Amino acid sequence: MPRCPECAGIMKYSRIERKYVCRSCGVAMTMDAIWEARDRQRSSDGDSREDYLEWWLSRKK
């Protein structure tokens, strides 16, 4: 079962809505939308890591 990109709760498939629904926060998403949200989240996390690495390396000089 996939995890919710909003709250990391467990998502369960609803045949009526044809979407995954989070048991914790109630967000309903298709599997494609879940993957897109994860990709956006990972790309934004990567930017902050790169900024931190650049800062860390500049302080060591």
N, C-alpha and C. Protein backbone atom coordinates (compact mmCIF):
# COMPACT_ATOMS: atom_id res chain seq x y z
N MET A 1 0.83 -1.19 0.00
CA MET A 1 0.00 0.00 0.00
C MET A 1 0.88 1.25 0.00
N PRO A 2 0.51 2.22 -0.80
CA PRO A 2 1.31 3.45 -0.84
C PRO A 2 1.11 4.31 0.40
N ARG A 3 2.07 5.17 0.64
CA ARG A 3 2.00 6.13 1.74
C ARG A 3 1.52 7.47 1.22
N CYS A 4 0.82 8.21 2.04
CA CYS A 4 0.30 9.52 1.67
C CYS A 4 1.45 10.52 1.55
N PRO A 5 1.51 11.27 0.44
CA PRO A 5 2.58 12.26 0.31
C PRO A 5 2.38 13.48 1.22
N GLU A 6 1.19 13.66 1.76
CA GLU A 6 0.91 14.80 2.65
C GLU A 6 1.29 14.51 4.10
N CYS A 7 0.86 13.33 4.61
CA CYS A 7 1.07 13.06 6.03
C CYS A 7 1.77 11.73 6.32
N ALA A 8 2.13 10.99 5.26
CA ALA A 8 2.80 9.69 5.36
C ALA A 8 1.91 8.61 5.96
N GLY A 9 0.61 8.84 5.94
CA GLY A 9 -0.34 7.82 6.42
C GLY A 9 -0.55 6.75 5.37
N ILE A 10 -1.23 5.69 5.76
CA ILE A 10 -1.51 4.59 4.85
C ILE A 10 -2.69 4.95 3.95
N MET A 11 -2.53 4.68 2.66
CA MET A 11 -3.59 4.96 1.69
C MET A 11 -4.24 3.65 1.26
N LYS A 12 -5.54 3.67 1.16
CA LYS A 12 -6.30 2.48 0.76
C LYS A 12 -7.06 2.80 -0.52
N TYR A 13 -7.11 1.83 -1.44
CA TYR A 13 -7.78 2.03 -2.71
C TYR A 13 -9.29 1.99 -2.53
N SER A 14 -9.98 2.98 -3.08
CA SER A 14 -11.44 3.04 -3.05
C SER A 14 -11.95 2.73 -4.46
N ARG A 15 -12.66 1.62 -4.60
CA ARG A 15 -13.19 1.26 -5.92
C ARG A 15 -14.26 2.23 -6.38
N ILE A 16 -14.98 2.82 -5.47
CA ILE A 16 -16.04 3.77 -5.83
C ILE A 16 -15.44 5.02 -6.47
N GLU A 17 -14.41 5.58 -5.84
CA GLU A 17 -13.77 6.79 -6.35
C GLU A 17 -12.68 6.50 -7.38
N ARG A 18 -12.23 5.25 -7.43
CA ARG A 18 -11.11 4.85 -8.27
C ARG A 18 -9.85 5.65 -7.96
N LYS A 19 -9.64 5.87 -6.68
CA LYS A 19 -8.48 6.60 -6.18
C LYS A 19 -8.02 5.98 -4.88
N TYR A 20 -6.81 6.34 -4.48
CA TYR A 20 -6.31 5.96 -3.17
C TYR A 20 -6.70 7.05 -2.19
N VAL A 21 -7.21 6.65 -1.03
CA VAL A 21 -7.66 7.60 -0.01
C VAL A 21 -6.84 7.36 1.26
N CYS A 22 -6.32 8.45 1.81
CA CYS A 22 -5.52 8.37 3.03
C CYS A 22 -6.43 8.14 4.22
N ARG A 23 -6.07 7.19 5.05
CA ARG A 23 -6.87 6.91 6.24
C ARG A 23 -6.68 7.97 7.32
N SER A 24 -5.57 8.70 7.28
CA SER A 24 -5.30 9.70 8.31
C SER A 24 -5.89 11.06 7.98
N CYS A 25 -5.54 11.59 6.80
CA CYS A 25 -5.95 12.96 6.48
C CYS A 25 -7.07 13.05 5.45
N GLY A 26 -7.41 11.94 4.77
CA GLY A 26 -8.53 11.93 3.84
C GLY A 26 -8.22 12.39 2.43
N VAL A 27 -6.96 12.62 2.10
CA VAL A 27 -6.59 13.03 0.75
C VAL A 27 -6.88 11.88 -0.21
N ALA A 28 -7.49 12.19 -1.36
CA ALA A 28 -7.77 11.19 -2.38
C ALA A 28 -6.96 11.51 -3.62
N MET A 29 -6.18 10.52 -4.09
CA MET A 29 -5.30 10.74 -5.25
C MET A 29 -5.24 9.48 -6.10
N THR A 30 -5.00 9.69 -7.39
CA THR A 30 -4.70 8.56 -8.26
C THR A 30 -3.25 8.17 -8.02
N MET A 31 -2.88 6.99 -8.50
CA MET A 31 -1.51 6.54 -8.32
C MET A 31 -0.54 7.46 -9.06
N ASP A 32 -0.95 7.96 -10.23
CA ASP A 32 -0.10 8.91 -10.96
C ASP A 32 0.14 10.18 -10.16
N ALA A 33 -0.90 10.68 -9.51
CA ALA A 33 -0.76 11.89 -8.70
C ALA A 33 0.15 11.65 -7.49
N ILE A 34 0.08 10.46 -6.92
CA ILE A 34 0.95 10.11 -5.79
C ILE A 34 2.40 10.13 -6.24
N TRP A 35 2.71 9.54 -7.40
CA TRP A 35 4.08 9.51 -7.91
C TRP A 35 4.56 10.91 -8.25
N GLU A 36 3.70 11.75 -8.82
CA GLU A 36 4.09 13.12 -9.13
C GLU A 36 4.41 13.91 -7.87
N ALA A 37 3.60 13.73 -6.83
CA ALA A 37 3.84 14.43 -5.56
C ALA A 37 5.16 13.98 -4.94
N ARG A 38 5.45 12.69 -5.01
CA ARG A 38 6.72 12.19 -4.48
C ARG A 38 7.91 12.76 -5.25
N ASP A 39 7.76 12.82 -6.58
CA ASP A 39 8.85 13.38 -7.39
C ASP A 39 9.10 14.84 -7.06
N ARG A 40 8.03 15.62 -6.90
CA ARG A 40 8.17 17.03 -6.52
C ARG A 40 8.83 17.16 -5.17
N GLN A 41 8.44 16.31 -4.23
CA GLN A 41 8.99 16.36 -2.88
C GLN A 41 10.48 16.01 -2.91
N ARG A 42 10.85 15.01 -3.66
CA ARG A 42 12.26 14.60 -3.74
C ARG A 42 13.11 15.67 -4.41
N SER A 43 12.56 16.29 -5.45
CA SER A 43 13.35 17.32 -6.14
C SER A 43 13.54 18.54 -5.25
N SER A 44 12.56 18.89 -4.44
CA SER A 44 12.72 20.03 -3.54
C SER A 44 13.67 19.69 -2.39
N ASP A 45 13.66 18.44 -1.92
CA ASP A 45 14.60 18.02 -0.89
C ASP A 45 16.03 18.04 -1.41
N GLY A 46 16.23 17.66 -2.67
CA GLY A 46 17.56 17.65 -3.26
C GLY A 46 18.15 19.03 -3.35
N ASP A 47 17.33 20.04 -3.62
CA ASP A 47 17.82 21.41 -3.72
C ASP A 47 18.37 21.88 -2.39
N SER A 48 17.67 21.59 -1.31
CA SER A 48 18.14 22.05 0.00
C SER A 48 19.40 21.31 0.42
N ARG A 49 19.53 20.05 0.04
CA ARG A 49 20.75 19.30 0.34
C ARG A 49 21.94 19.88 -0.41
N GLU A 50 21.71 20.24 -1.67
CA GLU A 50 22.80 20.82 -2.45
C GLU A 50 23.22 22.17 -1.89
N ASP A 51 22.25 22.98 -1.45
CA ASP A 51 22.57 24.26 -0.85
C ASP A 51 23.37 24.07 0.44
N TYR A 52 22.97 23.10 1.25
CA TYR A 52 23.67 22.83 2.50
C TYR A 52 25.09 22.35 2.22
N LEU A 53 25.24 21.46 1.22
CA LEU A 53 26.57 20.97 0.89
C LEU A 53 27.46 22.10 0.42
N GLU A 54 26.93 22.97 -0.41
CA GLU A 54 27.70 24.12 -0.88
C GLU A 54 28.13 25.01 0.28
N TRP A 55 27.22 25.25 1.22
CA TRP A 55 27.54 26.06 2.39
C TRP A 55 28.62 25.37 3.23
N TRP A 56 28.48 24.08 3.45
CA TRP A 56 29.42 23.35 4.28
C TRP A 56 30.82 23.36 3.67
N LEU A 57 30.90 23.15 2.38
CA LEU A 57 32.20 23.14 1.74
C LEU A 57 32.84 24.52 1.73
N SER A 58 32.04 25.56 1.63
CA SER A 58 32.61 26.90 1.64
C SER A 58 33.13 27.28 3.03
N ARG A 59 32.56 26.76 4.08
CA ARG A 59 33.01 27.05 5.44
C ARG A 59 34.31 26.33 5.78
N LYS A 60 34.60 25.25 5.12
CA LYS A 60 35.80 24.47 5.42
C LYS A 60 37.07 25.08 4.85
N LYS A 61 36.96 25.99 3.90
CA LYS A 61 38.15 26.56 3.24
C LYS A 61 38.92 27.46 4.12
